Amino acid sequence: SMSAYVLGAGSTVYAGIKYGIQGFAIALRRELGKKGVRVSLVEPGLTGSDMVKDDIDQVERINKEEMLRAEDIAVGVHYLLTQPRRAVVQQVTISPRMQDQE
């Protein structure tokens, strides 16, 4: 997630896990690329969940474009999957248009 870039005190383990995933994706891409497998890292910003779809705060944040919906992430993944076989998008960050303007 994008929260790997917004780190504060007490986020050591979280940061380590997130950066570990980035390293894993790079190594996996290099290892499997020779076999024709593409590996991309998707970093979603603040995203709402249908599990809490009646949450008024979430609905308001989505309406204000401070939070994404799962469908927004799916569009980005679709983009990754529709690239020519010779190309790989190594990393994509998808954030709400207004997330950083709170």
C-alpha atoms as a PDB file:
ATOM      1  CA  SER A   1       0.000   0.000   0.000  1.00  0.00           C
ATOM      2  CA  MET A   2       1.008   3.626  -0.339  1.00  0.00           C
ATOM      3  CA  SER A   3       1.157   3.904   3.441  1.00  0.00           C
ATOM      4  CA  ALA A   4       4.660   2.460   3.187  1.00  0.00           C
ATOM      5  CA  TYR A   5       5.690   6.014   2.273  1.00  0.00           C
ATOM      6  CA  VAL A   6       3.934   7.687   5.204  1.00  0.00           C
ATOM      7  CA  LEU A   7       5.939   6.378   8.100  1.00  0.00           C
ATOM      8  CA  GLY A   8       6.078   7.582  11.632  1.00  0.00           C
ATOM      9  CA  ALA A   9       7.368   6.403  14.966  1.00  0.00           C
ATOM     10  CA  GLY A  10       6.329   2.829  15.643  1.00  0.00           C
ATOM     11  CA  SER A  11       6.095   1.828  11.981  1.00  0.00           C
ATOM     12  CA  THR A  12       9.373  -0.078  11.765  1.00  0.00           C
ATOM     13  CA  VAL A  13       7.862  -3.523  11.285  1.00  0.00           C
ATOM     14  CA  TYR A  14       5.230  -2.242   8.851  1.00  0.00           C
ATOM     15  CA  ALA A  15       7.858  -0.458   6.760  1.00  0.00           C
ATOM     16  CA  GLY A  16      10.088  -3.521   6.749  1.00  0.00           C
ATOM     17  CA  ILE A  17       7.262  -5.721   5.520  1.00  0.00           C
ATOM     18  CA  LYS A  18       6.237  -3.294   2.770  1.00  0.00           C
ATOM     19  CA  TYR A  19       9.768  -2.755   1.500  1.00  0.00           C
ATOM     20  CA  GLY A  20      10.353  -6.499   1.743  1.00  0.00           C
ATOM     21  CA  ILE A  21       7.400  -7.019  -0.593  1.00  0.00           C
ATOM     22  CA  GLN A  22       8.917  -4.544  -3.061  1.00  0.00           C
ATOM     23  CA  GLY A  23      12.217  -6.429  -3.007  1.00  0.00           C
ATOM     24  CA  PHE A  24      10.395  -9.728  -3.385  1.00  0.00           C
ATOM     25  CA  ALA A  25       8.540  -8.413  -6.456  1.00  0.00           C
ATOM     26  CA  ILE A  26      11.776  -7.224  -8.078  1.00  0.00           C
ATOM     27  CA  ALA A  27      13.552 -10.529  -7.440  1.00  0.00           C
ATOM     28  CA  LEU A  28      10.541 -12.571  -8.584  1.00  0.00           C
ATOM     29  CA  ARG A  29      10.254 -10.503 -11.774  1.00  0.00           C
ATOM     30  CA  ARG A  30      13.923 -11.160 -12.569  1.00  0.00           C
ATOM     31  CA  GLU A  31      13.614 -14.850 -11.784  1.00  0.00           C
ATOM     32  CA  LEU A  32      10.383 -15.529 -13.684  1.00  0.00           C
ATOM     33  CA  GLY A  33      10.853 -13.074 -16.534  1.00  0.00           C
ATOM     34  CA  LYS A  34      13.004 -15.621 -18.325  1.00  0.00           C
ATOM     35  CA  LYS A  35       9.992 -17.946 -18.308  1.00  0.00           C
ATOM     36  CA  GLY A  36       7.665 -15.329 -19.797  1.00  0.00           C
ATOM     37  CA  VAL A  37       5.990 -14.456 -16.483  1.00  0.00           C
ATOM     38  CA  ARG A  38       5.426 -10.769 -15.756  1.00  0.00           C
ATOM     39  CA  VAL A  39       5.398  -9.520 -12.175  1.00  0.00           C
ATOM     40  CA  SER A  40       3.994  -6.105 -11.266  1.00  0.00           C
ATOM     41  CA  LEU A  41       3.646  -4.412  -7.901  1.00  0.00           C
ATOM     42  CA  VAL A  42       0.340  -2.593  -7.309  1.00  0.00           C
ATOM     43  CA  GLU A  43       0.315   0.010  -4.545  1.00  0.00           C
ATOM     44  CA  PRO A  44      -3.229   1.149  -3.796  1.00  0.00           C
ATOM     45  CA  GLY A  45      -3.982   4.280  -1.861  1.00  0.00           C
ATOM     46  CA  LEU A  46      -6.779   4.577   0.653  1.00  0.00           C
ATOM     47  CA  THR A  47      -9.502   2.241  -0.593  1.00  0.00           C
ATOM     48  CA  GLY A  48     -12.991   1.643   0.731  1.00  0.00           C
ATOM     49  CA  SER A  49     -14.394  -1.794   1.323  1.00  0.00           C
ATOM     50  CA  ASP A  50     -17.798  -3.286   0.590  1.00  0.00           C
ATOM     51  CA  MET A  51     -17.537  -4.960   3.998  1.00  0.00           C
ATOM     52  CA  VAL A  52     -18.250  -1.534   5.520  1.00  0.00           C
ATOM     53  CA  LYS A  53     -20.314  -0.049   2.688  1.00  0.00           C
ATOM     54  CA  ASP A  54     -22.858   1.511   5.069  1.00  0.00           C
ATOM     55  CA  ASP A  55     -20.144   3.463   6.879  1.00  0.00           C
ATOM     56  CA  ILE A  56     -21.106   7.138   6.428  1.00  0.00           C
ATOM     57  CA  ASP A  57     -17.503   8.379   6.752  1.00  0.00           C
ATOM     58  CA  GLN A  58     -16.360   6.003   4.004  1.00  0.00           C
ATOM     59  CA  VAL A  59     -19.204   7.033   1.695  1.00  0.00           C
ATOM     60  CA  GLU A  60     -18.389  10.714   2.242  1.00  0.00           C
ATOM     61  CA  ARG A  61     -14.676  10.190   1.608  1.00  0.00           C
ATOM     62  CA  ILE A  62     -15.396   8.294  -1.618  1.00  0.00           C
ATOM     63  CA  ASN A  63     -17.765  11.059  -2.742  1.00  0.00           C
ATOM     64  CA  LYS A  64     -15.100  13.699  -1.957  1.00  0.00           C
ATOM     65  CA  GLU A  65     -12.567  11.603  -3.939  1.00  0.00           C
ATOM     66  CA  GLU A  66     -10.409  11.159  -0.824  1.00  0.00           C
ATOM     67  CA  MET A  67     -10.869   7.379  -0.989  1.00  0.00           C
ATOM     68  CA  LEU A  68     -10.932   4.886  -3.850  1.00  0.00           C
ATOM     69  CA  ARG A  69     -13.309   2.034  -4.548  1.00  0.00           C
ATOM     70  CA  ALA A  70     -12.115  -1.495  -5.383  1.00  0.00           C
ATOM     71  CA  GLU A  71     -13.218  -0.949  -8.992  1.00  0.00           C
ATOM     72  CA  ASP A  72     -10.616   1.825  -9.293  1.00  0.00           C
ATOM     73  CA  ILE A  73      -7.844  -0.613  -8.422  1.00  0.00           C
ATOM     74  CA  ALA A  74      -9.285  -3.152 -10.863  1.00  0.00           C
ATOM     75  CA  VAL A  75      -8.938  -0.628 -13.703  1.00  0.00           C
ATOM     76  CA  GLY A  76      -5.238  -0.288 -12.899  1.00  0.00           C
ATOM     77  CA  VAL A  77      -4.764  -4.057 -12.789  1.00  0.00           C
ATOM     78  CA  HIS A  78      -6.575  -4.346 -16.123  1.00  0.00           C
ATOM     79  CA  TYR A  79      -4.068  -1.881 -17.568  1.00  0.00           C
ATOM     80  CA  LEU A  80      -1.184  -4.055 -16.349  1.00  0.00           C
ATOM     81  CA  LEU A  81      -2.699  -7.185 -17.847  1.00  0.00           C
ATOM     82  CA  THR A  82      -3.366  -5.648 -21.250  1.00  0.00           C
ATOM     83  CA  GLN A  83       0.184  -4.529 -22.013  1.00  0.00           C
ATOM     84  CA  PRO A  84       2.092  -6.213 -24.849  1.00  0.00           C
ATOM     85  CA  ARG A  85       3.859  -9.429 -23.829  1.00  0.00           C
ATOM     86  CA  ARG A  86       7.244  -7.776 -24.360  1.00  0.00           C
ATOM     87  CA  ALA A  87       6.444  -5.086 -21.785  1.00  0.00           C
ATOM     88  CA  VAL A  88       5.996  -5.125 -18.038  1.00  0.00           C
ATOM     89  CA  VAL A  89       4.786  -2.275 -15.877  1.00  0.00           C
ATOM     90  CA  GLN A  90       6.962  -2.866 -12.854  1.00  0.00           C
ATOM     91  CA  GLN A  91       5.043  -0.773 -10.362  1.00  0.00           C
ATOM     92  CA  VAL A  92       1.840   1.226 -10.336  1.00  0.00           C
ATOM     93  CA  THR A  93       0.601   3.477  -7.548  1.00  0.00           C
ATOM     94  CA  ILE A  94      -3.102   4.287  -7.604  1.00  0.00           C
ATOM     95  CA  SER A  95      -4.219   6.989  -5.220  1.00  0.00           C
ATOM     96  CA  PRO A  96      -7.379   8.991  -4.660  1.00  0.00           C
ATOM     97  CA  ARG A  97      -7.188  12.337  -6.419  1.00  0.00           C
ATOM     98  CA  MET A  98      -7.738  14.229  -3.170  1.00  0.00           C
ATOM     99  CA  GLN A  99      -5.967  11.900  -0.679  1.00  0.00           C
ATOM    100  CA  ASP A 100      -2.969  14.153  -0.106  1.00  0.00           C
ATOM    101  CA  GLN A 101      -5.073  17.282   0.247  1.00  0.00           C
ATOM    102  CA  GLU A 102      -6.724  16.574   3.573  1.00  0.00           C
END
